[in-house]
Amino acid sequence: MRSLLTELSADASPSRDASRALRDDVLGNLEALCRTRRGSSLVSPGFGMVDVLGVFRSSDRGAEHVRKALEDAVRAFEPRLHRPRVQQLPSEDSDLTLRFEITGEIVVGVRSTPVRFETTYDAAVTATVR
């Protein structure tokens, strides 16, 4: 027989499986967000990203505009990611590749776990999130 104290402490310390499941779910939503062109969803026209390649090529500050658009989209459409922050990473392959790091925290029960995701946009306007 389990005591009430055991039950309460079990509820207060969520398992790693719950954190992992939430992280995987957030990752799936970020993948969908990054791969969807804003305006193409009939249910939620604001969901998705701007024309990344068009914005990037439009000005010398295009990468910063894409970074800001990504951060705004994450804040609007992934509320389970607390304190999200998006930073541009150096591109390894070419000038037509944009890499961003998305960081934040996921909260399960009373435990907050820092998470990090990386997304890459290439010249073919494909997005990869991991």
N, C-alpha and C. Protein backbone atom coordinates (compact mmCIF):
# COMPACT_ATOMS: atom_id res chain seq x y z
N MET A 1 0.85 -1.18 0.00
CA MET A 1 0.00 0.00 0.00
C MET A 1 0.89 1.25 0.00
N ARG A 2 0.54 2.21 -0.83
CA ARG A 2 1.34 3.43 -0.93
C ARG A 2 0.77 4.50 -0.01
N SER A 3 1.63 5.26 0.60
CA SER A 3 1.17 6.32 1.50
C SER A 3 0.81 7.56 0.70
N LEU A 4 0.09 8.47 1.32
CA LEU A 4 -0.28 9.74 0.69
C LEU A 4 0.98 10.53 0.35
N LEU A 5 1.99 10.51 1.20
CA LEU A 5 3.24 11.22 0.93
C LEU A 5 3.91 10.66 -0.34
N THR A 6 3.88 9.34 -0.50
CA THR A 6 4.45 8.73 -1.71
C THR A 6 3.68 9.19 -2.94
N GLU A 7 2.38 9.23 -2.85
CA GLU A 7 1.55 9.68 -3.97
C GLU A 7 1.84 11.14 -4.32
N LEU A 8 1.95 11.99 -3.32
CA LEU A 8 2.20 13.41 -3.56
C LEU A 8 3.59 13.61 -4.17
N SER A 9 4.58 12.90 -3.66
CA SER A 9 5.92 13.09 -4.21
C SER A 9 6.02 12.52 -5.62
N ALA A 10 5.26 11.50 -5.93
CA ALA A 10 5.25 10.96 -7.29
C ALA A 10 4.65 11.98 -8.25
N ASP A 11 3.61 12.68 -7.80
CA ASP A 11 2.97 13.70 -8.64
C ASP A 11 3.88 14.92 -8.80
N ALA A 12 4.68 15.22 -7.79
CA ALA A 12 5.52 16.43 -7.82
C ALA A 12 6.77 16.23 -8.67
N SER A 13 7.17 15.00 -8.95
CA SER A 13 8.37 14.77 -9.76
C SER A 13 8.00 13.95 -10.99
N PRO A 14 7.57 14.62 -12.07
CA PRO A 14 7.13 13.91 -13.26
C PRO A 14 8.27 13.09 -13.86
N SER A 15 7.93 12.03 -14.52
CA SER A 15 8.94 11.14 -15.08
C SER A 15 9.64 11.76 -16.27
N ARG A 16 10.80 11.20 -16.56
CA ARG A 16 11.53 11.63 -17.76
C ARG A 16 10.74 11.31 -19.01
N ASP A 17 9.94 10.26 -18.95
CA ASP A 17 9.13 9.89 -20.11
C ASP A 17 8.14 10.98 -20.46
N ALA A 18 7.54 11.61 -19.46
CA ALA A 18 6.58 12.68 -19.72
C ALA A 18 7.28 13.89 -20.32
N SER A 19 8.47 14.22 -19.81
CA SER A 19 9.24 15.34 -20.38
C SER A 19 9.65 15.04 -21.81
N ARG A 20 10.09 13.80 -22.05
CA ARG A 20 10.52 13.40 -23.39
C ARG A 20 9.35 13.43 -24.36
N ALA A 21 8.20 12.95 -23.92
CA ALA A 21 7.01 12.96 -24.78
C ALA A 21 6.61 14.39 -25.12
N LEU A 22 6.64 15.28 -24.15
CA LEU A 22 6.29 16.68 -24.41
C LEU A 22 7.31 17.31 -25.35
N ARG A 23 8.60 17.04 -25.13
CA ARG A 23 9.64 17.58 -26.01
C ARG A 23 9.42 17.10 -27.45
N ASP A 24 9.13 15.82 -27.61
CA ASP A 24 8.90 15.28 -28.95
C ASP A 24 7.67 15.91 -29.61
N ASP A 25 6.63 16.17 -28.81
CA ASP A 25 5.43 16.80 -29.33
C ASP A 25 5.70 18.25 -29.75
N VAL A 26 6.47 18.97 -28.93
CA VAL A 26 6.86 20.34 -29.28
C VAL A 26 7.70 20.33 -30.55
N LEU A 27 8.63 19.39 -30.66
CA LEU A 27 9.45 19.27 -31.86
C LEU A 27 8.58 19.06 -33.10
N GLY A 28 7.59 18.19 -33.01
CA GLY A 28 6.68 17.95 -34.14
C GLY A 28 5.94 19.21 -34.55
N ASN A 29 5.50 19.99 -33.56
CA ASN A 29 4.79 21.22 -33.88
C ASN A 29 5.73 22.26 -34.49
N LEU A 30 6.96 22.34 -33.98
CA LEU A 30 7.93 23.27 -34.57
C LEU A 30 8.26 22.88 -36.01
N GLU A 31 8.36 21.57 -36.28
CA GLU A 31 8.60 21.12 -37.66
C GLU A 31 7.46 21.59 -38.57
N ALA A 32 6.24 21.38 -38.11
CA ALA A 32 5.08 21.81 -38.92
C ALA A 32 5.09 23.32 -39.11
N LEU A 33 5.38 24.05 -38.05
CA LEU A 33 5.42 25.51 -38.10
C LEU A 33 6.46 26.00 -39.11
N CYS A 34 7.65 25.41 -39.06
CA CYS A 34 8.73 25.85 -39.94
C CYS A 34 8.53 25.43 -41.39
N ARG A 35 7.81 24.36 -41.62
CA ARG A 35 7.62 23.85 -42.98
C ARG A 35 6.37 24.39 -43.66
N THR A 36 5.53 25.08 -42.92
CA THR A 36 4.28 25.59 -43.47
C THR A 36 4.45 27.06 -43.85
N ARG A 37 4.01 27.39 -45.03
CA ARG A 37 4.07 28.78 -45.48
C ARG A 37 2.88 29.53 -44.88
N ARG A 38 3.15 30.66 -44.26
CA ARG A 38 2.09 31.46 -43.64
C ARG A 38 1.02 31.77 -44.68
N GLY A 39 -0.22 31.57 -44.28
CA GLY A 39 -1.35 31.83 -45.17
C GLY A 39 -1.86 30.60 -45.88
N SER A 40 -1.15 29.48 -45.78
CA SER A 40 -1.58 28.28 -46.49
C SER A 40 -2.51 27.39 -45.68
N SER A 41 -2.65 27.65 -44.39
CA SER A 41 -3.55 26.88 -43.54
C SER A 41 -4.92 27.53 -43.52
N LEU A 42 -5.93 26.79 -43.94
CA LEU A 42 -7.30 27.33 -43.94
C LEU A 42 -7.82 27.52 -42.52
N VAL A 43 -7.41 26.65 -41.62
CA VAL A 43 -7.88 26.70 -40.24
C VAL A 43 -7.25 27.86 -39.47
N SER A 44 -5.97 28.09 -39.72
CA SER A 44 -5.24 29.15 -39.02
C SER A 44 -4.31 29.87 -40.00
N PRO A 45 -4.82 30.88 -40.70
CA PRO A 45 -4.03 31.56 -41.73
C PRO A 45 -2.72 32.16 -41.24
N GLY A 46 -2.60 32.47 -39.97
CA GLY A 46 -1.37 33.04 -39.43
C GLY A 46 -0.31 32.00 -39.10
N PHE A 47 -0.69 30.72 -39.12
CA PHE A 47 0.25 29.65 -38.79
C PHE A 47 1.28 29.49 -39.90
N GLY A 48 2.54 29.31 -39.51
CA GLY A 48 3.59 29.07 -40.49
C GLY A 48 4.59 30.21 -40.54
N MET A 49 5.45 30.11 -41.56
CA MET A 49 6.52 31.08 -41.72
C MET A 49 6.32 31.92 -42.97
N VAL A 50 6.93 33.08 -42.95
CA VAL A 50 6.94 33.97 -44.10
C VAL A 50 7.70 33.29 -45.24
N ASP A 51 7.72 33.89 -46.40
CA ASP A 51 8.53 33.42 -47.52
C ASP A 51 9.99 33.64 -47.15
N VAL A 52 10.61 32.62 -46.58
CA VAL A 52 11.96 32.75 -46.01
C VAL A 52 12.96 33.23 -47.04
N LEU A 53 13.00 32.58 -48.18
CA LEU A 53 13.99 32.96 -49.20
C LEU A 53 13.73 34.38 -49.71
N GLY A 54 12.47 34.74 -49.90
CA GLY A 54 12.14 36.08 -50.36
C GLY A 54 12.55 37.15 -49.36
N VAL A 55 12.26 36.91 -48.10
CA VAL A 55 12.63 37.88 -47.05
C VAL A 55 14.15 37.96 -46.93
N PHE A 56 14.81 36.81 -46.98
CA PHE A 56 16.27 36.78 -46.85
C PHE A 56 16.94 37.57 -47.97
N ARG A 57 16.42 37.43 -49.18
CA ARG A 57 17.02 38.11 -50.32
C ARG A 57 16.61 39.58 -50.44
N SER A 58 15.57 39.99 -49.71
CA SER A 58 15.01 41.32 -49.88
C SER A 58 15.88 42.45 -49.34
N SER A 59 16.75 42.14 -48.39
CA SER A 59 17.58 43.21 -47.82
C SER A 59 18.83 42.63 -47.18
N ASP A 60 19.73 43.51 -46.83
CA ASP A 60 20.95 43.05 -46.17
C ASP A 60 20.66 42.62 -44.73
N ARG A 61 19.48 42.95 -44.21
CA ARG A 61 19.07 42.51 -42.87
C ARG A 61 18.02 41.41 -42.96
N GLY A 62 17.98 40.73 -44.10
CA GLY A 62 16.97 39.69 -44.32
C GLY A 62 17.04 38.56 -43.32
N ALA A 63 18.24 38.13 -42.96
CA ALA A 63 18.38 37.03 -41.99
C ALA A 63 17.80 37.43 -40.64
N GLU A 64 17.99 38.69 -40.24
CA GLU A 64 17.42 39.16 -38.97
C GLU A 64 15.90 39.20 -39.05
N HIS A 65 15.34 39.57 -40.19
CA HIS A 65 13.89 39.58 -40.35
C HIS A 65 13.32 38.16 -40.26
N VAL A 66 14.02 37.20 -40.86
CA VAL A 66 13.59 35.80 -40.77
C VAL A 66 13.68 35.32 -39.32
N ARG A 67 14.76 35.65 -38.62
CA ARG A 67 14.93 35.26 -37.22
C ARG A 67 13.78 35.79 -36.37
N LYS A 68 13.46 37.06 -36.57
CA LYS A 68 12.37 37.70 -35.81
C LYS A 68 11.02 37.06 -36.15
N ALA A 69 10.78 36.77 -37.42
CA ALA A 69 9.52 36.14 -37.83
C ALA A 69 9.40 34.75 -37.21
N LEU A 70 10.51 34.01 -37.15
CA LEU A 70 10.50 32.68 -36.54
C LEU A 70 10.23 32.78 -35.05
N GLU A 71 10.88 33.70 -34.38
CA GLU A 71 10.65 33.87 -32.95
C GLU A 71 9.20 34.25 -32.67
N ASP A 72 8.64 35.16 -33.46
CA ASP A 72 7.24 35.56 -33.29
C ASP A 72 6.30 34.38 -33.51
N ALA A 73 6.59 33.57 -34.54
CA ALA A 73 5.75 32.41 -34.84
C ALA A 73 5.81 31.39 -33.70
N VAL A 74 7.00 31.15 -33.17
CA VAL A 74 7.14 30.20 -32.06
C VAL A 74 6.37 30.71 -30.84
N ARG A 75 6.50 31.98 -30.55
CA ARG A 75 5.77 32.56 -29.40
C ARG A 75 4.25 32.45 -29.58
N ALA A 76 3.79 32.64 -30.80
CA ALA A 76 2.34 32.62 -31.06
C ALA A 76 1.76 31.21 -31.13
N PHE A 77 2.51 30.25 -31.65
CA PHE A 77 1.93 28.96 -31.96
C PHE A 77 2.51 27.78 -31.18
N GLU A 78 3.42 28.02 -30.27
CA GLU A 78 3.92 26.94 -29.41
C GLU A 78 3.99 27.42 -27.97
N PRO A 79 2.81 27.52 -27.31
CA PRO A 79 2.76 28.04 -25.95
C PRO A 79 3.39 27.11 -24.91
N ARG A 80 3.63 25.85 -25.26
CA ARG A 80 4.26 24.93 -24.31
C ARG A 80 5.75 25.17 -24.17
N LEU A 81 6.32 25.99 -25.06
CA LEU A 81 7.74 26.34 -24.98
C LEU A 81 7.83 27.68 -24.27
N HIS A 82 8.25 27.64 -23.02
CA HIS A 82 8.34 28.84 -22.19
C HIS A 82 9.64 29.59 -22.47
N ARG A 83 9.54 30.90 -22.47
CA ARG A 83 10.68 31.79 -22.72
C ARG A 83 11.46 31.41 -23.98
N PRO A 84 10.75 31.30 -25.11
CA PRO A 84 11.46 30.92 -26.34
C PRO A 84 12.40 32.03 -26.82
N ARG A 85 13.50 31.60 -27.38
CA ARG A 85 14.48 32.53 -27.92
C ARG A 85 15.04 31.92 -29.20
N VAL A 86 15.18 32.74 -30.22
CA VAL A 86 15.72 32.28 -31.50
C VAL A 86 16.97 33.07 -31.81
N GLN A 87 18.05 32.35 -32.11
CA GLN A 87 19.31 32.99 -32.48
C GLN A 87 19.77 32.40 -33.81
N GLN A 88 20.37 33.24 -34.63
CA GLN A 88 20.93 32.75 -35.89
C GLN A 88 22.27 32.08 -35.60
N LEU A 89 22.51 30.96 -36.27
CA LEU A 89 23.78 30.24 -36.16
C LEU A 89 24.56 30.43 -37.45
N PRO A 90 25.86 30.31 -37.39
CA PRO A 90 26.65 30.41 -38.62
C PRO A 90 26.28 29.28 -39.58
N SER A 91 26.22 29.59 -40.86
CA SER A 91 25.91 28.59 -41.88
C SER A 91 27.18 27.82 -42.22
N GLU A 92 27.04 26.52 -42.33
CA GLU A 92 28.20 25.68 -42.63
C GLU A 92 28.34 25.41 -44.12
N ASP A 93 27.22 25.38 -44.84
CA ASP A 93 27.25 24.92 -46.23
C ASP A 93 27.41 26.03 -47.26
N SER A 94 26.52 27.00 -47.24
CA SER A 94 26.54 28.02 -48.29
C SER A 94 25.90 29.31 -47.80
N ASP A 95 25.95 30.29 -48.67
CA ASP A 95 25.32 31.57 -48.35
C ASP A 95 23.80 31.49 -48.39
N LEU A 96 23.25 30.48 -49.03
CA LEU A 96 21.80 30.36 -49.15
C LEU A 96 21.23 29.38 -48.12
N THR A 97 21.93 29.20 -47.04
CA THR A 97 21.44 28.37 -45.94
C THR A 97 21.36 29.23 -44.69
N LEU A 98 20.21 29.19 -44.05
CA LEU A 98 20.01 29.90 -42.79
C LEU A 98 19.82 28.87 -41.70
N ARG A 99 20.56 29.03 -40.61
CA ARG A 99 20.44 28.12 -39.47
C ARG A 99 20.05 28.93 -38.24
N PHE A 100 19.10 28.38 -37.48
CA PHE A 100 18.65 29.05 -36.27
C PHE A 100 18.58 28.05 -35.12
N GLU A 101 18.85 28.55 -33.93
CA GLU A 101 18.70 27.77 -32.71
C GLU A 101 17.48 28.30 -31.97
N ILE A 102 16.59 27.38 -31.58
CA ILE A 102 15.41 27.73 -30.80
C ILE A 102 15.61 27.13 -29.42
N THR A 103 15.63 27.97 -28.40
CA THR A 103 15.79 27.49 -27.04
C THR A 103 14.61 27.94 -26.20
N GLY A 104 14.41 27.26 -25.10
CA GLY A 104 13.35 27.60 -24.17
C GLY A 104 13.27 26.54 -23.09
N GLU A 105 12.14 26.47 -22.45
CA GLU A 105 11.92 25.50 -21.39
C GLU A 105 10.56 24.85 -21.59
N ILE A 106 10.49 23.58 -21.27
CA ILE A 106 9.19 22.91 -21.20
C ILE A 106 8.95 22.57 -19.73
N VAL A 107 7.70 22.66 -19.34
CA VAL A 107 7.35 22.44 -17.94
C VAL A 107 6.38 21.27 -17.85
N VAL A 108 6.78 20.27 -17.05
CA VAL A 108 5.92 19.13 -16.76
C VAL A 108 5.77 19.09 -15.26
N GLY A 109 4.56 19.27 -14.78
CA GLY A 109 4.34 19.34 -13.34
C GLY A 109 5.02 20.58 -12.79
N VAL A 110 5.95 20.38 -11.88
CA VAL A 110 6.68 21.51 -11.30
C VAL A 110 8.11 21.57 -11.83
N ARG A 111 8.47 20.65 -12.71
CA ARG A 111 9.84 20.59 -13.23
C ARG A 111 9.95 21.32 -14.57
N SER A 112 10.92 22.21 -14.65
CA SER A 112 11.22 22.94 -15.87
C SER A 112 12.49 22.35 -16.48
N THR A 113 12.41 22.01 -17.77
CA THR A 113 13.55 21.40 -18.45
C THR A 113 13.96 22.27 -19.63
N PRO A 114 15.23 22.69 -19.67
CA PRO A 114 15.69 23.47 -20.83
C PRO A 114 15.74 22.57 -22.07
N VAL A 115 15.35 23.14 -23.21
CA VAL A 115 15.39 22.40 -24.47
C VAL A 115 16.04 23.27 -25.54
N ARG A 116 16.58 22.59 -26.55
CA ARG A 116 17.24 23.27 -27.67
C ARG A 116 16.87 22.55 -28.94
N PHE A 117 16.46 23.32 -29.93
CA PHE A 117 16.15 22.79 -31.25
C PHE A 117 16.94 23.60 -32.26
N GLU A 118 17.20 23.01 -33.39
CA GLU A 118 17.89 23.72 -34.46
C GLU A 118 17.08 23.55 -35.74
N THR A 119 16.93 24.63 -36.48
CA THR A 119 16.25 24.56 -37.77
C THR A 119 17.14 25.15 -38.84
N THR A 120 17.06 24.57 -40.02
CA THR A 120 17.86 25.00 -41.16
C THR A 120 16.96 25.22 -42.35
N TYR A 121 17.09 26.36 -42.98
CA TYR A 121 16.40 26.64 -44.24
C TYR A 121 17.46 26.66 -45.33
N ASP A 122 17.20 25.94 -46.42
CA ASP A 122 18.18 25.95 -47.52
C ASP A 122 17.60 26.64 -48.74
N ALA A 123 18.36 26.70 -49.81
CA ALA A 123 17.97 27.41 -51.02
C ALA A 123 16.70 26.84 -51.65
N ALA A 124 16.42 25.58 -51.40
CA ALA A 124 15.20 24.96 -51.92
C ALA A 124 14.01 25.27 -51.03
N VAL A 125 14.21 26.09 -50.02
CA VAL A 125 13.19 26.50 -49.05
C VAL A 125 12.59 25.30 -48.34
N THR A 126 13.45 24.38 -47.96
CA THR A 126 13.01 23.28 -47.12
C THR A 126 13.51 23.55 -45.73
N ALA A 127 12.71 23.19 -44.77
CA ALA A 127 13.07 23.41 -43.38
C ALA A 127 13.28 22.07 -42.69
N THR A 128 14.34 21.98 -41.94
CA THR A 128 14.63 20.80 -41.15
C THR A 128 14.74 21.26 -39.71
N VAL A 129 14.03 20.57 -38.81
CA VAL A 129 14.09 20.91 -37.39
C VAL A 129 14.53 19.65 -36.65
N ARG A 130 15.50 19.82 -35.74
CA ARG A 130 15.92 18.69 -34.92
C ARG A 130 16.26 19.17 -33.54
